[in-house]
C-alpha atoms as a PDB file:
ATOM      1  CA  UNK A   1     -40.194 -29.174 -31.638  1.00  0.00           C
ATOM      2  CA  UNK A   2     -38.474 -29.243 -28.242  1.00  0.00           C
ATOM      3  CA  UNK A   3     -37.618 -32.483 -26.561  1.00  0.00           C
ATOM      4  CA  UNK A   4     -36.133 -32.373 -23.095  1.00  0.00           C
ATOM      5  CA  UNK A   5     -35.667 -29.848 -20.334  1.00  0.00           C
ATOM      6  CA  UNK A   6     -34.137 -26.438 -20.758  1.00  0.00           C
ATOM      7  CA  UNK A   7     -31.865 -24.826 -18.190  1.00  0.00           C
ATOM      8  CA  UNK A   8     -32.817 -21.425 -16.869  1.00  0.00           C
ATOM      9  CA  UNK A   9     -30.175 -19.015 -15.571  1.00  0.00           C
ATOM     10  CA  UNK A  10     -30.447 -18.250 -11.864  1.00  0.00           C
ATOM     11  CA  UNK A  11     -32.928 -15.575 -10.905  1.00  0.00           C
ATOM     12  CA  UNK A  12     -30.250 -13.580  -9.098  1.00  0.00           C
ATOM     13  CA  UNK A  13     -28.062 -13.457 -12.202  1.00  0.00           C
ATOM     14  CA  UNK A  14     -30.972 -12.432 -14.400  1.00  0.00           C
ATOM     15  CA  UNK A  15     -32.165  -9.822 -11.894  1.00  0.00           C
ATOM     16  CA  UNK A  16     -28.685  -8.378 -11.556  1.00  0.00           C
ATOM     17  CA  UNK A  17     -28.014  -8.135 -15.272  1.00  0.00           C
ATOM     18  CA  UNK A  18     -31.491  -6.809 -16.066  1.00  0.00           C
ATOM     19  CA  UNK A  19     -31.310  -4.172 -13.331  1.00  0.00           C
ATOM     20  CA  UNK A  20     -27.911  -3.069 -14.547  1.00  0.00           C
ATOM     21  CA  UNK A  21     -29.108  -2.898 -18.131  1.00  0.00           C
ATOM     22  CA  UNK A  22     -32.385  -1.209 -17.170  1.00  0.00           C
ATOM     23  CA  UNK A  23     -30.605   1.496 -15.219  1.00  0.00           C
ATOM     24  CA  UNK A  24     -28.309   2.147 -18.135  1.00  0.00           C
ATOM     25  CA  UNK A  25     -25.192   1.627 -16.065  1.00  0.00           C
ATOM     26  CA  UNK A  26     -23.766  -0.645 -18.718  1.00  0.00           C
ATOM     27  CA  UNK A  27     -24.598   1.245 -21.882  1.00  0.00           C
ATOM     28  CA  UNK A  28     -21.870  -0.805 -23.527  1.00  0.00           C
ATOM     29  CA  UNK A  29     -22.838  -4.055 -21.751  1.00  0.00           C
ATOM     30  CA  UNK A  30     -22.537  -6.116 -24.905  1.00  0.00           C
ATOM     31  CA  UNK A  31     -18.923  -5.030 -25.357  1.00  0.00           C
ATOM     32  CA  UNK A  32     -17.717  -6.173 -21.922  1.00  0.00           C
ATOM     33  CA  UNK A  33     -15.123  -8.711 -22.952  1.00  0.00           C
ATOM     34  CA  UNK A  34     -13.556  -9.790 -19.675  1.00  0.00           C
ATOM     35  CA  UNK A  35     -14.400 -10.348 -16.040  1.00  0.00           C
ATOM     36  CA  UNK A  36     -12.132  -7.417 -15.148  1.00  0.00           C
ATOM     37  CA  UNK A  37     -14.322  -5.153 -17.258  1.00  0.00           C
ATOM     38  CA  UNK A  38     -17.444  -6.547 -15.558  1.00  0.00           C
ATOM     39  CA  UNK A  39     -15.923  -5.873 -12.124  1.00  0.00           C
ATOM     40  CA  UNK A  40     -14.839  -2.378 -13.137  1.00  0.00           C
ATOM     41  CA  UNK A  41     -18.238  -1.554 -14.599  1.00  0.00           C
ATOM     42  CA  UNK A  42     -19.905  -2.817 -11.417  1.00  0.00           C
ATOM     43  CA  UNK A  43     -17.971  -0.253  -9.382  1.00  0.00           C
ATOM     44  CA  UNK A  44     -19.285   2.615 -11.485  1.00  0.00           C
ATOM     45  CA  UNK A  45     -22.874   1.536 -10.938  1.00  0.00           C
ATOM     46  CA  UNK A  46     -22.863   0.238  -7.346  1.00  0.00           C
ATOM     47  CA  UNK A  47     -24.629   2.650  -5.006  1.00  0.00           C
ATOM     48  CA  UNK A  48     -23.021   1.413  -1.781  1.00  0.00           C
ATOM     49  CA  UNK A  49     -19.545   1.776  -3.313  1.00  0.00           C
ATOM     50  CA  UNK A  50     -20.267   5.312  -4.491  1.00  0.00           C
ATOM     51  CA  UNK A  51     -21.762   6.183  -1.090  1.00  0.00           C
ATOM     52  CA  UNK A  52     -18.674   4.792   0.680  1.00  0.00           C
ATOM     53  CA  UNK A  53     -16.415   6.863  -1.592  1.00  0.00           C
ATOM     54  CA  UNK A  54     -18.410  10.011  -0.784  1.00  0.00           C
ATOM     55  CA  UNK A  55     -18.190   9.238   2.956  1.00  0.00           C
ATOM     56  CA  UNK A  56     -14.415   8.772   2.647  1.00  0.00           C
ATOM     57  CA  UNK A  57     -14.110  12.111   0.855  1.00  0.00           C
ATOM     58  CA  UNK A  58     -16.128  13.820   3.595  1.00  0.00           C
ATOM     59  CA  UNK A  59     -13.970  12.168   6.270  1.00  0.00           C
ATOM     60  CA  UNK A  60     -10.850  13.388   4.472  1.00  0.00           C
ATOM     61  CA  UNK A  61     -12.187  16.934   4.356  1.00  0.00           C
ATOM     62  CA  UNK A  62     -13.028  16.785   8.080  1.00  0.00           C
ATOM     63  CA  UNK A  63      -9.389  16.174   9.100  1.00  0.00           C
ATOM     64  CA  UNK A  64      -8.083  19.315  10.783  1.00  0.00           C
ATOM     65  CA  UNK A  65      -4.940  20.855   9.347  1.00  0.00           C
ATOM     66  CA  UNK A  66      -1.596  20.295  11.063  1.00  0.00           C
ATOM     67  CA  UNK A  67      -0.734  23.954  10.613  1.00  0.00           C
ATOM     68  CA  UNK A  68      -3.043  26.025  12.801  1.00  0.00           C
ATOM     69  CA  UNK A  69      -2.809  29.376  10.985  1.00  0.00           C
ATOM     70  CA  UNK A  70      -6.596  29.496  10.667  1.00  0.00           C
ATOM     71  CA  UNK A  71      -6.890  30.329  14.359  1.00  0.00           C
ATOM     72  CA  UNK A  72      -4.424  33.251  14.314  1.00  0.00           C
ATOM     73  CA  UNK A  73      -5.589  36.393  16.102  1.00  0.00           C
ATOM     74  CA  UNK A  74      -4.763  40.044  15.659  1.00  0.00           C
ATOM     75  CA  UNK A  75      -5.810  42.631  18.219  1.00  0.00           C
ATOM     76  CA  UNK A  76      -5.406  46.395  18.276  1.00  0.00           C
ATOM     77  CA  UNK A  77      -5.900  48.582  21.331  1.00  0.00           C
ATOM     78  CA  UNK A  78      -5.700  52.226  22.297  1.00  0.00           C
ATOM     79  CA  UNK A  79      -5.526  53.495  25.825  1.00  0.00           C
ATOM     80  CA  UNK A  80      -5.332  56.964  27.286  1.00  0.00           C
ATOM     81  CA  UNK A  81      -3.234  57.134  30.463  1.00  0.00           C
ATOM     82  CA  UNK A  82      -3.650  60.779  31.575  1.00  0.00           C
ATOM     83  CA  UNK A  83      -7.250  61.998  31.691  1.00  0.00           C
ATOM     84  CA  UNK A  84      -6.278  65.484  33.091  1.00  0.00           C
ATOM     85  CA  UNK A  85      -4.166  66.459  30.087  1.00  0.00           C
ATOM     86  CA  UNK A  86      -6.219  66.107  26.884  1.00  0.00           C
ATOM     87  CA  UNK A  87      -3.192  66.798  24.700  1.00  0.00           C
ATOM     88  CA  UNK A  88      -1.098  64.033  26.217  1.00  0.00           C
ATOM     89  CA  UNK A  89      -2.636  61.426  23.899  1.00  0.00           C
ATOM     90  CA  UNK A  90      -2.736  57.748  24.440  1.00  0.00           C
ATOM     91  CA  UNK A  91      -0.862  54.604  23.674  1.00  0.00           C
ATOM     92  CA  UNK A  92      -1.768  52.431  20.731  1.00  0.00           C
ATOM     93  CA  UNK A  93      -0.709  48.809  20.600  1.00  0.00           C
ATOM     94  CA  UNK A  94      -1.062  45.883  18.224  1.00  0.00           C
ATOM     95  CA  UNK A  95      -0.825  42.290  19.358  1.00  0.00           C
ATOM     96  CA  UNK A  96      -0.756  39.153  17.210  1.00  0.00           C
ATOM     97  CA  UNK A  97      -0.883  35.484  18.207  1.00  0.00           C
ATOM     98  CA  UNK A  98      -0.098  32.916  15.533  1.00  0.00           C
ATOM     99  CA  UNK A  99      -0.404  29.240  16.435  1.00  0.00           C
ATOM    100  CA  UNK A 100       1.923  27.613  13.904  1.00  0.00           C
ATOM    101  CA  UNK A 101       1.585  24.007  15.027  1.00  0.00           C
ATOM    102  CA  UNK A 102      -0.232  22.286  17.817  1.00  0.00           C
ATOM    103  CA  UNK A 103       2.909  22.483  19.966  1.00  0.00           C
ATOM    104  CA  UNK A 104       4.222  25.877  18.780  1.00  0.00           C
ATOM    105  CA  UNK A 105       2.784  29.382  18.682  1.00  0.00           C
ATOM    106  CA  UNK A 106       4.355  32.762  18.070  1.00  0.00           C
ATOM    107  CA  UNK A 107       3.078  35.987  19.579  1.00  0.00           C
ATOM    108  CA  UNK A 108       4.193  39.562  19.515  1.00  0.00           C
ATOM    109  CA  UNK A 109       3.064  43.088  20.211  1.00  0.00           C
ATOM    110  CA  UNK A 110       4.164  46.544  19.191  1.00  0.00           C
ATOM    111  CA  UNK A 111       3.140  49.880  20.636  1.00  0.00           C
ATOM    112  CA  UNK A 112       3.290  53.298  18.969  1.00  0.00           C
ATOM    113  CA  UNK A 113       6.211  54.397  21.149  1.00  0.00           C
ATOM    114  CA  UNK A 114       8.370  51.738  19.483  1.00  0.00           C
ATOM    115  CA  UNK A 115       8.450  49.243  22.298  1.00  0.00           C
ATOM    116  CA  UNK A 116       7.399  45.683  21.615  1.00  0.00           C
ATOM    117  CA  UNK A 117       7.984  42.069  22.300  1.00  0.00           C
ATOM    118  CA  UNK A 118       8.121  38.786  20.467  1.00  0.00           C
ATOM    119  CA  UNK A 119       7.605  35.381  22.048  1.00  0.00           C
ATOM    120  CA  UNK A 120       7.482  31.782  20.969  1.00  0.00           C
ATOM    121  CA  UNK A 121       5.559  29.320  23.076  1.00  0.00           C
ATOM    122  CA  UNK A 122       6.475  25.652  22.881  1.00  0.00           C
ATOM    123  CA  UNK A 123       4.137  23.069  24.397  1.00  0.00           C
ATOM    124  CA  UNK A 124       5.800  19.697  23.768  1.00  0.00           C
ATOM    125  CA  UNK A 125       3.038  17.707  25.446  1.00  0.00           C
ATOM    126  CA  UNK A 126       0.144  19.401  23.661  1.00  0.00           C
ATOM    127  CA  UNK A 127      -1.837  16.916  21.625  1.00  0.00           C
ATOM    128  CA  UNK A 128      -5.208  17.143  19.967  1.00  0.00           C
ATOM    129  CA  UNK A 129      -7.320  14.019  19.948  1.00  0.00           C
ATOM    130  CA  UNK A 130      -9.606  15.590  17.352  1.00  0.00           C
ATOM    131  CA  UNK A 131      -7.056  15.224  14.548  1.00  0.00           C
ATOM    132  CA  UNK A 132      -6.193  11.649  15.505  1.00  0.00           C
ATOM    133  CA  UNK A 133      -9.875  10.711  15.729  1.00  0.00           C
ATOM    134  CA  UNK A 134     -10.480  12.288  12.332  1.00  0.00           C
ATOM    135  CA  UNK A 135      -7.577  10.296  10.861  1.00  0.00           C
ATOM    136  CA  UNK A 136      -8.977   7.078  12.340  1.00  0.00           C
ATOM    137  CA  UNK A 137     -12.407   7.883  10.884  1.00  0.00           C
ATOM    138  CA  UNK A 138     -10.795   8.530   7.507  1.00  0.00           C
ATOM    139  CA  UNK A 139      -8.904   5.221   7.592  1.00  0.00           C
ATOM    140  CA  UNK A 140     -12.141   3.411   8.501  1.00  0.00           C
ATOM    141  CA  UNK A 141     -13.918   5.109   5.608  1.00  0.00           C
ATOM    142  CA  UNK A 142     -11.147   4.018   3.218  1.00  0.00           C
ATOM    143  CA  UNK A 143     -11.476   0.451   4.498  1.00  0.00           C
ATOM    144  CA  UNK A 144     -15.244   0.642   3.905  1.00  0.00           C
ATOM    145  CA  UNK A 145     -14.590   1.813   0.331  1.00  0.00           C
ATOM    146  CA  UNK A 146     -12.249  -1.141  -0.248  1.00  0.00           C
ATOM    147  CA  UNK A 147     -14.723  -3.621   1.232  1.00  0.00           C
ATOM    148  CA  UNK A 148     -17.679  -2.197  -0.668  1.00  0.00           C
ATOM    149  CA  UNK A 149     -15.727  -2.210  -3.934  1.00  0.00           C
ATOM    150  CA  UNK A 150     -14.543  -5.754  -3.379  1.00  0.00           C
ATOM    151  CA  UNK A 151     -18.078  -6.890  -2.565  1.00  0.00           C
ATOM    152  CA  UNK A 152     -19.574  -5.173  -5.630  1.00  0.00           C
ATOM    153  CA  UNK A 153     -16.897  -6.646  -7.903  1.00  0.00           C
ATOM    154  CA  UNK A 154     -17.277 -10.149  -6.495  1.00  0.00           C
ATOM    155  CA  UNK A 155     -21.068 -10.001  -6.809  1.00  0.00           C
ATOM    156  CA  UNK A 156     -20.869  -8.800 -10.409  1.00  0.00           C
ATOM    157  CA  UNK A 157     -18.276 -11.407 -11.388  1.00  0.00           C
ATOM    158  CA  UNK A 158     -20.264 -14.210  -9.727  1.00  0.00           C
ATOM    159  CA  UNK A 159     -23.418 -13.085 -11.536  1.00  0.00           C
ATOM    160  CA  UNK A 160     -21.551 -12.910 -14.852  1.00  0.00           C
ATOM    161  CA  UNK A 161     -20.005 -16.363 -14.320  1.00  0.00           C
ATOM    162  CA  UNK A 162     -23.365 -17.787 -13.362  1.00  0.00           C
ATOM    163  CA  UNK A 163     -24.905 -16.255 -16.447  1.00  0.00           C
ATOM    164  CA  UNK A 164     -22.126 -17.572 -18.701  1.00  0.00           C
ATOM    165  CA  UNK A 165     -22.369 -21.039 -17.171  1.00  0.00           C
ATOM    166  CA  UNK A 166     -26.142 -21.122 -17.577  1.00  0.00           C
ATOM    167  CA  UNK A 167     -25.859 -19.859 -21.142  1.00  0.00           C
ATOM    168  CA  UNK A 168     -23.295 -22.530 -22.043  1.00  0.00           C
ATOM    169  CA  UNK A 169     -25.297 -25.233 -20.325  1.00  0.00           C
ATOM    170  CA  UNK A 170     -28.401 -24.140 -22.217  1.00  0.00           C
ATOM    171  CA  UNK A 171     -26.504 -24.179 -25.529  1.00  0.00           C
ATOM    172  CA  UNK A 172     -25.130 -27.639 -24.757  1.00  0.00           C
ATOM    173  CA  UNK A 173     -28.589 -28.969 -23.901  1.00  0.00           C
ATOM    174  CA  UNK A 174     -30.052 -27.406 -27.028  1.00  0.00           C
ATOM    175  CA  UNK A 175     -27.362 -29.131 -29.114  1.00  0.00           C
ATOM    176  CA  UNK A 176     -28.095 -32.409 -27.333  1.00  0.00           C
ATOM    177  CA  UNK A 177     -31.784 -31.974 -28.128  1.00  0.00           C
ATOM    178  CA  UNK A 178     -30.882 -31.324 -31.767  1.00  0.00           C
ATOM    179  CA  UNK A 179     -28.772 -34.497 -31.853  1.00  0.00           C
ATOM    180  CA  UNK A 180     -31.613 -36.456 -30.229  1.00  0.00           C
ATOM    181  CA  UNK A 181     -34.115 -35.070 -32.742  1.00  0.00           C
ATOM    182  CA  UNK A 182     -31.810 -35.971 -35.643  1.00  0.00           C
ATOM    183  CA  UNK A 183     -31.260 -39.451 -34.212  1.00  0.00           C
ATOM    184  CA  UNK A 184     -34.982 -39.892 -33.708  1.00  0.00           C
ATOM    185  CA  UNK A 185     -35.776 -38.688 -37.214  1.00  0.00           C
ATOM    186  CA  UNK A 186     -33.091 -40.966 -38.703  1.00  0.00           C
ATOM    187  CA  UNK A 187     -34.284 -43.954 -36.704  1.00  0.00           C
ATOM    188  CA  UNK A 188     -37.914 -43.251 -37.555  1.00  0.00           C
ATOM    189  CA  UNK A 189     -37.248 -42.821 -41.251  1.00  0.00           C
ATOM    190  CA  UNK A 190     -35.191 -46.038 -41.239  1.00  0.00           C
ATOM    191  CA  UNK A 191     -38.065 -47.945 -39.619  1.00  0.00           C
ATOM    192  CA  UNK A 192     -40.496 -46.602 -42.186  1.00  0.00           C
ATOM    193  CA  UNK A 193     -38.397 -47.933 -45.083  1.00  0.00           C
ATOM    194  CA  UNK A 194     -38.135 -51.492 -43.705  1.00  0.00           C
ATOM    195  CA  UNK A 195     -40.354 -54.070 -45.390  1.00  0.00           C
END
């Protein structure tokens, strides 16, 4: 027989824990022993945190390299200078341009007669905004990961604390009801034995 009100855990705490358990994110939910474990487990199951991590990874991959070797060029050419003499042949040449850094590139060419040249071009004021903008985007994505992780952890810990508090309050009230029932039964049985 129940005497007295019972305390129900908050709907948000119940919804959170049930959704986590229903999705199987906490297969070992009963073994979570500390709030740190709850916060850590929340990160593995939080969709916005995982999405933010994926966005940060994509932003990291979008940062252009400092070394510009990907845009190196190699060109070969052949030209015939004397069209009246078919046996005179032509001149073959090879030219390469290698941008090492944003401010430095090396170029050179060689012809089949042994002549050639080598040059280094330095552009001290050259600056690409694309790399800097990509770095800023990456830093913003990392900040979003931190914020999302912090938010997921705080939400999970608050829900766990709310659940624990409600569970303890319920246990305390159930014990109080048991004491009241015992007191009532003792008092009632004492009144029945009086003449």
